[in-house]
Amino acid sequence: MSLADRHVTALMRQITTRDTIELVHPFAELKTIGALVYVAECYGFRYESVRLVGKHRILHVQLVRDSGPWARQRAAANSAAFPDPGSGRPVPGMYLGSLTPVPEVQADVDVLTALIRHDALGAAGNRKQLLAVGGGSAVLFLLMAVLTGQYAVLLPLAVLMPLFMLGSLKVNTTRRAKLAQRLVAAGCTPVRDAAGLERYVRPVPQGF
């Protein structure tokens, strides 16, 4: 069984037993995640949110069952056309045995991937958190310099850490702005979530 088949099998196990599912993958596997989210949405789920966990920033992507009529219609159609996706069997929108989208759905998968990347960068680039880390590190290095007398080593670090955090924030903001342009061009609408972060809502499709 290929890696793609294992991913699909694990996904379908969640789809058939839960109303809320979670995909866990490294950030570097965003294209794989985008494809899996597309498949999940074919069976009546919708992308909800993303969070980054641990020092290696592992992506945890949450999806919920969509009770809307269009989602139910799409799920019924795909369940009939692809009743048992997995090893050696076709998967909606993907080439056989892989998680590579066919041309007809590539644009949809790209939008999903951009949406997840935008939200993940928002989680990684929390302005208050980054500034707090930078300020806290500067204070810590200053205290260590006073206590140890290692001014030549620790004072530059007290200056560089806040600058590094500000630089990371600027890069993150630039990347999110580029993704936002792509999402708007794809018809997505900007909204603010409960935490005040800018997110994007896709238009309701008219077909499946």
Foldseek 3Di string as FASTA:
>chain_A
DDPQLVLQVVLVVCLVPHQKDKDKAQPVCLLLVLLSQVLSLLQAKHWDAWAFDDPSRIIITMIGGHPDPQSNVSNVVCCVVQVDDGQQGDGPQDDGPHSHGDPVCVVVSVLSSLQHLLRSLCNVQVPVVLQVVLQVQLVVLVVVCVVPVPCVPSNVVSVVSNVVSVVSNVVSVVSSVVSVVVNVVQVWDWDADPVRDIHTDHDDDDHD
